[in-house]
N, C-alpha and C. Protein backbone atom coordinates (compact mmCIF):
# COMPACT_ATOMS: atom_id res chain seq x y z
N MET A 1 19.02 -3.69 -42.81
CA MET A 1 18.56 -4.25 -43.78
C MET A 1 18.91 -5.85 -43.68
N ASN A 2 18.15 -6.81 -44.11
CA ASN A 2 18.29 -7.97 -44.26
C ASN A 2 18.77 -8.55 -45.33
N LYS A 3 19.20 -9.99 -45.44
CA LYS A 3 19.54 -10.57 -46.52
C LYS A 3 18.72 -10.31 -47.64
N ARG A 4 17.38 -10.59 -47.70
CA ARG A 4 16.40 -10.22 -48.68
C ARG A 4 16.72 -9.03 -49.56
N GLY A 5 16.89 -7.99 -48.64
CA GLY A 5 16.76 -6.67 -49.22
C GLY A 5 18.14 -6.30 -50.01
N HIS A 6 19.18 -6.88 -49.33
CA HIS A 6 20.55 -6.52 -49.99
C HIS A 6 20.66 -7.47 -51.21
N VAL A 7 19.84 -8.84 -51.46
CA VAL A 7 19.84 -9.43 -52.59
C VAL A 7 19.01 -8.57 -53.81
N MET A 8 18.01 -8.12 -53.10
CA MET A 8 17.08 -7.25 -54.18
C MET A 8 17.88 -6.19 -54.76
N ASN A 9 18.42 -5.59 -53.93
CA ASN A 9 19.33 -4.29 -54.39
C ASN A 9 20.42 -4.52 -55.23
N ALA A 10 20.89 -5.76 -54.97
CA ALA A 10 22.15 -6.33 -56.08
C ALA A 10 21.34 -6.63 -57.25
N VAL A 11 20.30 -7.30 -57.38
CA VAL A 11 19.83 -7.64 -58.58
C VAL A 11 19.23 -6.62 -59.51
N LEU A 12 18.68 -5.58 -58.79
CA LEU A 12 18.20 -4.53 -59.41
C LEU A 12 19.08 -3.62 -59.70
N LEU A 13 20.21 -3.48 -58.95
CA LEU A 13 21.48 -2.77 -59.35
C LEU A 13 22.07 -3.20 -60.56
N SER A 14 22.04 -4.56 -60.62
CA SER A 14 22.92 -5.30 -61.71
C SER A 14 22.05 -4.86 -63.00
N ILE A 15 20.94 -4.96 -62.84
CA ILE A 15 20.10 -4.75 -64.25
C ILE A 15 20.26 -3.05 -64.41
N GLY A 16 20.17 -2.28 -63.52
CA GLY A 16 20.22 -0.83 -63.94
C GLY A 16 21.70 -0.45 -64.49
N LEU A 17 22.77 -1.09 -63.74
CA LEU A 17 24.12 -0.72 -64.13
C LEU A 17 24.35 -1.12 -65.50
N GLY A 18 23.87 -2.51 -65.67
CA GLY A 18 24.02 -3.26 -66.95
C GLY A 18 23.53 -2.29 -68.35
N ALA A 19 22.17 -1.57 -67.87
CA ALA A 19 21.51 -0.77 -68.86
C ALA A 19 22.31 0.56 -69.06
N VAL A 20 23.08 1.01 -67.91
CA VAL A 20 23.58 2.38 -67.93
C VAL A 20 25.06 2.08 -68.78
N LEU A 21 25.59 0.81 -68.39
CA LEU A 21 27.06 0.71 -69.42
C LEU A 21 26.92 0.16 -70.72
N GLN A 22 25.59 -0.56 -70.94
CA GLN A 22 25.40 -0.76 -72.26
C GLN A 22 24.08 -0.70 -72.60
N PRO A 23 23.65 0.53 -72.84
CA PRO A 23 22.22 1.06 -73.08
C PRO A 23 21.66 0.54 -74.71
N THR A 24 22.09 -0.19 -75.18
CA THR A 24 21.51 -0.70 -76.15
C THR A 24 20.39 -1.49 -76.42
N TRP A 25 19.99 -2.30 -75.17
CA TRP A 25 18.95 -2.94 -74.90
C TRP A 25 19.08 -4.21 -75.85
N ASP A 26 20.11 -5.00 -76.16
CA ASP A 26 20.10 -5.99 -76.82
C ASP A 26 20.95 -6.88 -76.24
N VAL A 27 21.48 -7.91 -76.65
CA VAL A 27 22.31 -9.16 -76.37
C VAL A 27 23.49 -8.65 -75.24
N ALA A 28 24.16 -7.34 -75.93
CA ALA A 28 25.16 -6.87 -75.22
C ALA A 28 24.78 -6.25 -73.76
N THR A 29 23.41 -5.83 -73.71
CA THR A 29 23.04 -5.25 -72.37
C THR A 29 22.74 -6.80 -71.52
N ALA A 30 22.04 -7.66 -71.81
CA ALA A 30 21.85 -8.74 -71.30
C ALA A 30 23.25 -9.48 -70.69
N GLU A 31 24.15 -9.48 -71.68
CA GLU A 31 25.48 -9.98 -71.24
C GLU A 31 26.10 -9.21 -69.97
N MET A 32 25.97 -7.67 -70.09
CA MET A 32 26.51 -7.00 -69.07
C MET A 32 25.77 -7.12 -67.92
N ILE A 33 24.46 -7.29 -67.82
CA ILE A 33 23.49 -7.70 -66.59
C ILE A 33 24.15 -8.90 -65.95
N VAL A 34 24.46 -10.02 -66.68
CA VAL A 34 24.88 -11.18 -66.18
C VAL A 34 26.38 -11.04 -65.48
N LYS A 35 27.13 -10.40 -66.38
CA LYS A 35 28.24 -10.03 -65.87
C LYS A 35 28.63 -9.54 -64.65
N LEU A 36 27.67 -8.60 -64.30
CA LEU A 36 27.73 -7.86 -63.04
C LEU A 36 26.97 -8.45 -62.00
N SER A 37 26.08 -9.41 -62.43
CA SER A 37 25.20 -9.71 -61.42
C SER A 37 25.70 -10.77 -60.40
N VAL A 38 26.66 -11.78 -60.53
CA VAL A 38 27.46 -12.63 -59.51
C VAL A 38 28.04 -11.70 -58.73
N PRO A 39 29.20 -11.12 -59.24
CA PRO A 39 29.87 -10.23 -58.27
C PRO A 39 29.28 -9.27 -57.46
N VAL A 40 28.41 -8.46 -58.04
CA VAL A 40 27.66 -7.46 -57.20
C VAL A 40 26.86 -8.20 -56.04
N THR A 41 26.12 -9.42 -56.54
CA THR A 41 25.42 -10.23 -55.44
C THR A 41 26.26 -10.62 -54.11
N LEU A 42 27.33 -11.16 -54.84
CA LEU A 42 28.27 -11.71 -53.77
C LEU A 42 28.88 -10.45 -53.00
N GLY A 43 29.08 -9.51 -53.32
CA GLY A 43 29.61 -8.31 -52.57
C GLY A 43 28.65 -7.80 -51.73
N ALA A 44 27.40 -7.93 -52.15
CA ALA A 44 26.19 -7.37 -51.28
C ALA A 44 26.14 -8.27 -49.97
N LEU A 45 26.29 -9.39 -50.27
CA LEU A 45 26.21 -10.54 -49.03
C LEU A 45 27.22 -10.82 -48.26
N MET A 46 28.62 -10.30 -48.58
CA MET A 46 29.69 -10.42 -47.85
C MET A 46 29.76 -9.81 -46.63
N PRO A 47 29.51 -8.71 -46.63
CA PRO A 47 29.80 -8.02 -45.27
C PRO A 47 28.97 -8.81 -44.03
N ASP A 48 27.80 -9.31 -44.35
CA ASP A 48 27.14 -10.09 -43.26
C ASP A 48 27.74 -11.47 -42.96
N VAL A 49 28.88 -11.60 -43.53
CA VAL A 49 29.82 -13.01 -43.06
C VAL A 49 30.10 -12.61 -41.42
N ASP A 50 30.30 -11.45 -41.05
CA ASP A 50 30.67 -10.99 -39.69
C ASP A 50 29.66 -11.77 -38.79
N THR A 51 28.34 -12.02 -39.20
CA THR A 51 27.39 -12.22 -37.98
C THR A 51 27.75 -13.91 -37.70
N ALA A 52 28.64 -14.51 -38.27
CA ALA A 52 28.94 -15.87 -37.71
C ALA A 52 30.19 -16.02 -36.62
N PHE A 53 30.96 -14.90 -36.80
CA PHE A 53 32.20 -14.76 -36.08
C PHE A 53 32.51 -13.72 -35.45
N GLY A 54 32.05 -12.46 -36.04
CA GLY A 54 32.90 -11.17 -35.43
C GLY A 54 31.59 -10.35 -34.96
N LYS A 55 31.74 -8.95 -34.62
CA LYS A 55 30.98 -8.07 -34.56
C LYS A 55 30.17 -7.77 -35.55
N HIS A 56 29.03 -8.15 -35.74
CA HIS A 56 28.08 -7.78 -36.54
C HIS A 56 27.92 -5.94 -36.92
N ARG A 57 28.04 -5.73 -38.20
CA ARG A 57 28.15 -4.32 -38.54
C ARG A 57 29.36 -3.52 -38.04
N LYS A 58 30.26 -4.41 -37.86
CA LYS A 58 31.58 -3.78 -37.29
C LYS A 58 32.71 -4.40 -38.14
N THR A 59 32.90 -5.81 -38.07
CA THR A 59 33.91 -6.37 -38.66
C THR A 59 34.29 -6.23 -40.17
N PHE A 60 33.17 -6.55 -40.65
CA PHE A 60 33.28 -6.44 -42.37
C PHE A 60 32.09 -5.10 -43.03
N HIS A 61 31.96 -4.21 -41.92
CA HIS A 61 31.08 -2.95 -42.39
C HIS A 61 31.79 -1.84 -41.95
N ASN A 62 32.90 -1.61 -42.72
CA ASN A 62 33.70 -0.40 -42.42
C ASN A 62 34.36 -0.19 -43.80
N LEU A 63 35.10 1.11 -43.84
CA LEU A 63 35.69 1.69 -44.76
C LEU A 63 37.15 0.97 -45.15
N PRO A 64 37.94 0.59 -44.16
CA PRO A 64 39.11 -0.27 -44.43
C PRO A 64 38.64 -1.46 -45.19
N MET A 65 37.63 -2.27 -44.87
CA MET A 65 37.23 -3.40 -45.44
C MET A 65 36.85 -3.07 -47.07
N LEU A 66 36.07 -2.07 -47.23
CA LEU A 66 35.90 -1.74 -48.62
C LEU A 66 36.99 -1.29 -49.36
N ALA A 67 37.89 -0.69 -48.79
CA ALA A 67 39.18 -0.70 -49.57
C ALA A 67 39.92 -1.75 -49.97
N ILE A 68 39.85 -2.75 -49.16
CA ILE A 68 40.45 -3.95 -49.47
C ILE A 68 39.62 -4.58 -50.76
N PHE A 69 38.31 -4.49 -50.65
CA PHE A 69 37.48 -5.12 -51.81
C PHE A 69 37.71 -4.45 -52.98
N MET A 70 37.91 -2.95 -52.88
CA MET A 70 38.28 -2.29 -54.30
C MET A 70 39.59 -2.43 -54.65
N ALA A 71 40.39 -2.84 -53.77
CA ALA A 71 41.70 -3.46 -54.33
C ALA A 71 41.81 -4.83 -55.10
N TRP A 72 41.02 -5.51 -54.76
CA TRP A 72 40.82 -6.97 -55.22
C TRP A 72 41.26 -7.15 -56.66
N PRO A 73 40.70 -6.36 -57.78
CA PRO A 73 41.07 -6.40 -58.93
C PRO A 73 42.54 -6.06 -59.39
N LEU A 74 42.97 -5.47 -58.53
CA LEU A 74 44.64 -5.06 -58.81
C LEU A 74 45.20 -6.24 -58.75
N TYR A 75 44.96 -7.23 -57.89
CA TYR A 75 45.83 -8.73 -57.58
C TYR A 75 45.11 -9.70 -57.98
N PHE A 76 43.76 -9.67 -58.29
CA PHE A 76 43.02 -11.06 -58.92
C PHE A 76 42.15 -10.29 -59.99
N GLU A 77 42.16 -10.84 -61.11
CA GLU A 77 41.65 -10.29 -62.25
C GLU A 77 40.24 -10.77 -62.34
N ASN A 78 39.44 -11.61 -61.47
CA ASN A 78 38.06 -12.08 -61.60
C ASN A 78 37.26 -11.12 -60.28
N LEU A 79 36.13 -11.16 -60.56
CA LEU A 79 35.15 -10.65 -59.57
C LEU A 79 35.36 -9.01 -59.40
N GLN A 80 35.96 -8.46 -60.50
CA GLN A 80 36.07 -7.11 -60.30
C GLN A 80 34.99 -6.04 -59.84
N TYR A 81 33.70 -6.39 -59.69
CA TYR A 81 32.81 -5.72 -59.27
C TYR A 81 32.11 -6.01 -57.85
N VAL A 82 32.77 -6.73 -57.32
CA VAL A 82 32.54 -7.42 -55.80
C VAL A 82 32.45 -5.93 -54.96
N TRP A 83 33.26 -4.89 -55.16
CA TRP A 83 33.17 -3.72 -54.38
C TRP A 83 31.89 -3.00 -54.48
N ILE A 84 31.32 -3.03 -55.60
CA ILE A 84 30.25 -2.49 -55.89
C ILE A 84 28.88 -3.06 -54.76
N GLY A 85 28.89 -4.35 -54.69
CA GLY A 85 27.82 -4.82 -53.98
C GLY A 85 28.34 -4.40 -52.62
N VAL A 86 29.67 -4.53 -51.95
CA VAL A 86 29.97 -4.18 -50.71
C VAL A 86 29.54 -2.58 -50.53
N ALA A 87 29.92 -1.56 -51.46
CA ALA A 87 29.60 -0.30 -51.01
C ALA A 87 28.02 -0.27 -50.67
N THR A 88 27.55 -0.75 -51.68
CA THR A 88 25.83 -0.63 -51.64
C THR A 88 25.28 -1.34 -50.43
N HIS A 89 25.96 -2.26 -49.96
CA HIS A 89 25.41 -2.71 -48.59
C HIS A 89 25.76 -1.99 -47.64
N TYR A 90 26.70 -0.96 -47.77
CA TYR A 90 27.00 -0.21 -46.47
C TYR A 90 25.95 0.85 -46.86
N ILE A 91 25.65 1.44 -47.77
CA ILE A 91 24.83 2.48 -47.99
C ILE A 91 23.31 2.10 -47.44
N LEU A 92 23.08 0.78 -47.92
CA LEU A 92 21.54 0.51 -47.54
C LEU A 92 21.55 0.24 -45.74
N ASP A 93 22.69 -0.05 -45.03
CA ASP A 93 22.73 -0.24 -43.82
C ASP A 93 22.77 0.99 -43.16
N VAL A 94 23.28 2.00 -43.78
CA VAL A 94 23.46 3.29 -43.34
C VAL A 94 21.90 3.94 -43.50
N VAL A 95 21.54 3.86 -44.76
CA VAL A 95 20.28 4.73 -44.96
C VAL A 95 19.12 3.93 -44.71
N GLY A 96 19.11 2.56 -44.80
CA GLY A 96 17.69 1.74 -44.64
C GLY A 96 17.85 1.05 -43.32
N SER A 97 18.34 1.33 -42.20
CA SER A 97 18.38 0.97 -41.02
C SER A 97 18.33 2.06 -39.87
N THR A 98 17.84 1.59 -38.69
CA THR A 98 18.03 2.47 -37.66
C THR A 98 19.36 2.57 -36.81
N ARG A 99 20.03 1.38 -37.17
CA ARG A 99 21.38 1.20 -36.25
C ARG A 99 22.52 1.84 -36.87
N GLY A 100 22.77 1.66 -38.30
CA GLY A 100 23.77 2.15 -39.14
C GLY A 100 25.22 1.45 -38.84
N ILE A 101 26.09 1.57 -39.25
CA ILE A 101 27.29 0.85 -39.31
C ILE A 101 28.42 1.67 -38.59
N ALA A 102 29.74 0.87 -38.35
CA ALA A 102 30.89 1.38 -37.74
C ALA A 102 31.77 1.72 -38.90
N LEU A 103 31.77 2.83 -39.58
CA LEU A 103 32.47 2.91 -40.72
C LEU A 103 33.88 3.22 -40.66
N TRP A 104 34.44 3.45 -39.56
CA TRP A 104 35.75 3.57 -39.21
C TRP A 104 36.27 2.40 -38.22
N TYR A 105 35.65 1.27 -37.88
CA TYR A 105 36.00 0.23 -37.13
C TYR A 105 37.32 -0.42 -37.81
N PRO A 106 38.39 -0.93 -37.16
CA PRO A 106 38.53 -0.97 -35.64
C PRO A 106 39.22 0.43 -35.17
N LEU A 107 39.29 1.30 -35.73
CA LEU A 107 39.87 2.79 -35.06
C LEU A 107 38.59 3.27 -34.18
N LEU A 108 37.67 3.41 -34.47
CA LEU A 108 36.33 3.92 -34.04
C LEU A 108 35.31 3.01 -34.02
N SER A 109 34.70 2.63 -32.99
CA SER A 109 33.41 1.68 -32.90
C SER A 109 32.11 2.53 -32.93
N GLN A 110 31.94 3.82 -32.86
CA GLN A 110 30.81 4.73 -33.21
C GLN A 110 30.03 4.24 -34.41
N GLU A 111 28.66 4.04 -34.40
CA GLU A 111 28.23 3.53 -35.60
C GLU A 111 27.39 4.80 -36.05
N TYR A 112 27.24 4.97 -37.48
CA TYR A 112 26.77 6.00 -38.29
C TYR A 112 25.59 5.70 -39.13
N ASN A 113 24.57 6.57 -38.86
CA ASN A 113 23.47 6.31 -39.59
C ASN A 113 22.46 7.54 -40.03
N LEU A 114 21.54 7.37 -40.91
CA LEU A 114 20.88 8.56 -41.07
C LEU A 114 19.33 8.63 -40.38
N PRO A 115 18.88 9.70 -39.91
CA PRO A 115 17.59 9.49 -39.19
C PRO A 115 16.58 9.22 -39.99
N VAL A 116 16.58 8.90 -41.27
CA VAL A 116 15.57 8.37 -41.77
C VAL A 116 15.51 6.71 -41.81
N GLY A 117 16.26 6.19 -41.43
CA GLY A 117 16.34 4.79 -41.37
C GLY A 117 15.21 4.00 -40.68
N ILE A 118 14.93 2.90 -41.23
CA ILE A 118 13.64 2.24 -40.79
C ILE A 118 14.01 0.85 -40.17
N PRO A 119 13.21 0.44 -39.34
CA PRO A 119 13.40 -1.01 -38.98
C PRO A 119 13.34 -2.07 -39.84
N VAL A 120 14.44 -3.10 -39.99
CA VAL A 120 14.53 -4.04 -40.80
C VAL A 120 13.07 -4.69 -41.06
N SER A 121 12.26 -4.88 -39.90
CA SER A 121 10.99 -5.72 -39.94
C SER A 121 9.89 -4.57 -40.53
N SER A 122 10.10 -3.37 -40.98
CA SER A 122 9.18 -2.58 -41.23
C SER A 122 8.51 -2.87 -42.78
N SER A 123 7.32 -2.68 -42.69
CA SER A 123 6.49 -3.44 -44.24
C SER A 123 7.13 -2.19 -45.34
N LYS A 124 7.91 -1.05 -44.96
CA LYS A 124 8.19 -0.17 -46.02
C LYS A 124 9.78 -0.38 -46.34
N SER A 125 10.32 -1.64 -45.89
CA SER A 125 11.76 -1.79 -46.07
C SER A 125 12.10 -1.95 -47.66
N ASP A 126 11.01 -2.84 -48.39
CA ASP A 126 11.25 -3.17 -49.62
C ASP A 126 11.22 -1.79 -50.65
N LEU A 127 10.24 -0.89 -50.25
CA LEU A 127 10.16 0.37 -50.80
C LEU A 127 11.49 1.02 -50.56
N VAL A 128 11.88 1.26 -49.34
CA VAL A 128 13.23 1.85 -49.18
C VAL A 128 14.41 1.34 -50.15
N THR A 129 14.45 0.04 -50.14
CA THR A 129 15.34 -0.67 -50.86
C THR A 129 15.42 -0.27 -52.24
N VAL A 130 14.26 -0.07 -52.89
CA VAL A 130 13.96 0.16 -54.40
C VAL A 130 14.33 1.63 -54.40
N LEU A 131 14.15 2.48 -53.66
CA LEU A 131 14.30 4.06 -53.65
C LEU A 131 15.79 4.21 -53.85
N VAL A 132 16.42 3.47 -52.76
CA VAL A 132 17.91 3.63 -52.68
C VAL A 132 18.61 3.20 -53.74
N THR A 133 18.00 2.10 -54.22
CA THR A 133 18.78 1.43 -55.46
C THR A 133 18.59 2.32 -56.70
N GLY A 134 17.44 3.00 -56.80
CA GLY A 134 17.09 3.86 -57.99
C GLY A 134 18.31 5.14 -57.72
N VAL A 135 18.26 5.74 -56.75
CA VAL A 135 19.50 6.72 -56.47
C VAL A 135 20.78 6.08 -56.66
N GLU A 136 21.19 5.15 -56.36
CA GLU A 136 22.33 4.60 -56.61
C GLU A 136 22.66 4.43 -58.36
N ILE A 137 21.77 3.92 -58.88
CA ILE A 137 21.94 3.98 -60.10
C ILE A 137 22.02 5.33 -60.90
N ALA A 138 20.99 6.40 -60.46
CA ALA A 138 21.08 7.54 -60.95
C ALA A 138 22.66 8.09 -60.89
N ALA A 139 23.03 8.03 -59.45
CA ALA A 139 24.25 8.85 -59.25
C ALA A 139 25.42 7.97 -60.09
N PHE A 140 25.41 6.71 -60.15
CA PHE A 140 26.60 5.96 -61.17
C PHE A 140 26.23 6.55 -62.59
N ALA A 141 25.10 6.67 -63.19
CA ALA A 141 24.88 7.23 -64.68
C ALA A 141 25.35 8.66 -64.63
N GLY A 142 24.94 9.29 -63.62
CA GLY A 142 25.50 10.93 -63.64
C GLY A 142 27.06 10.90 -63.52
N ILE A 143 27.51 9.87 -62.63
CA ILE A 143 29.18 10.36 -62.65
C ILE A 143 29.82 9.54 -63.90
N LEU A 144 29.28 8.58 -64.62
CA LEU A 144 29.81 8.07 -65.86
C LEU A 144 29.39 9.09 -66.98
N TYR A 145 28.48 9.66 -67.08
CA TYR A 145 28.13 10.40 -68.22
C TYR A 145 28.40 12.10 -68.05
N TYR A 146 28.49 12.39 -66.97
CA TYR A 146 28.49 13.81 -67.01
C TYR A 146 29.89 14.21 -66.05
N VAL A 147 30.35 13.40 -65.25
CA VAL A 147 31.59 13.95 -64.34
C VAL A 147 32.73 13.37 -65.23
N TRP A 148 32.62 12.05 -65.46
CA TRP A 148 33.89 11.22 -65.97
C TRP A 148 33.73 10.40 -67.38
N PRO A 149 33.11 11.19 -68.45
CA PRO A 149 32.76 10.59 -69.64
C PRO A 149 33.76 9.86 -70.31
N GLU A 150 34.97 10.22 -70.16
CA GLU A 150 36.24 9.61 -70.56
C GLU A 150 36.29 8.02 -70.20
N ALA A 151 35.47 7.69 -68.85
CA ALA A 151 35.46 6.33 -68.59
C ALA A 151 34.81 5.60 -69.71
N ILE A 152 33.92 6.13 -70.35
CA ILE A 152 33.17 5.08 -71.35
C ILE A 152 34.28 5.05 -72.58
N VAL A 153 35.02 5.83 -73.04
CA VAL A 153 35.92 5.57 -74.13
C VAL A 153 36.90 4.48 -73.55
N TYR A 154 37.59 4.86 -72.28
CA TYR A 154 38.36 4.08 -71.97
C TYR A 154 37.97 2.35 -71.62
N GLY A 155 36.61 2.34 -71.17
CA GLY A 155 36.24 0.99 -71.16
C GLY A 155 35.97 0.60 -72.38
N GLU A 156 35.64 1.19 -73.49
CA GLU A 156 35.50 0.58 -74.83
C GLU A 156 36.91 0.20 -75.33
N GLN A 157 37.69 0.83 -75.31
CA GLN A 157 39.12 0.59 -75.57
C GLN A 157 39.83 -0.60 -74.84
N ILE A 158 39.36 -0.71 -73.92
CA ILE A 158 39.84 -1.86 -72.86
C ILE A 158 38.94 -3.34 -73.37
N ALA A 159 37.74 -2.90 -73.31
CA ALA A 159 37.03 -4.16 -74.07
C ALA A 159 37.46 -4.74 -75.57
N THR A 160 37.93 -3.84 -76.31
CA THR A 160 38.43 -4.41 -77.65
C THR A 160 39.61 -5.38 -77.31
N MET A 161 40.57 -4.97 -76.22
CA MET A 161 41.81 -5.65 -76.18
C MET A 161 41.44 -7.08 -75.45
N LEU A 162 40.29 -7.30 -74.77
CA LEU A 162 40.13 -8.36 -74.10
C LEU A 162 39.57 -9.60 -75.06
N PRO A 163 40.07 -10.86 -74.81
CA PRO A 163 39.56 -11.99 -75.56
C PRO A 163 38.15 -12.04 -75.62
């Protein structure tokens, strides 16, 4: 997947997740979309920083790095949604490319992908990006509403305590 595909995924994902988290379709929904869009987009672009100095699809494309991004909010109170962008970047690179990523780097250099991957230059890459994004949004909604519905109540309680 290329930068354009990752940004498209981040923007569509921010809109979809904003609608899932604030399904009222009013100002609150728009505010949630804006709140998600910057950190998710930053996270979606972050793994490709390794193209400048490291081994691309290895240095920042692995599960240990994702754990670091998921821990970010524990130590810093801003950009708590960056990990979503990073995780979806990985998903797109595994599903939407022929090469895949080294999930366990630096422990293992083996790259993992799915056989349905397409070349980045393919005319179908935008369609794959939209389909993967739709599946990500549906999975998030399913987890939030059916697997862990208490998260909605906890989120509302936390939101009332914030300034």
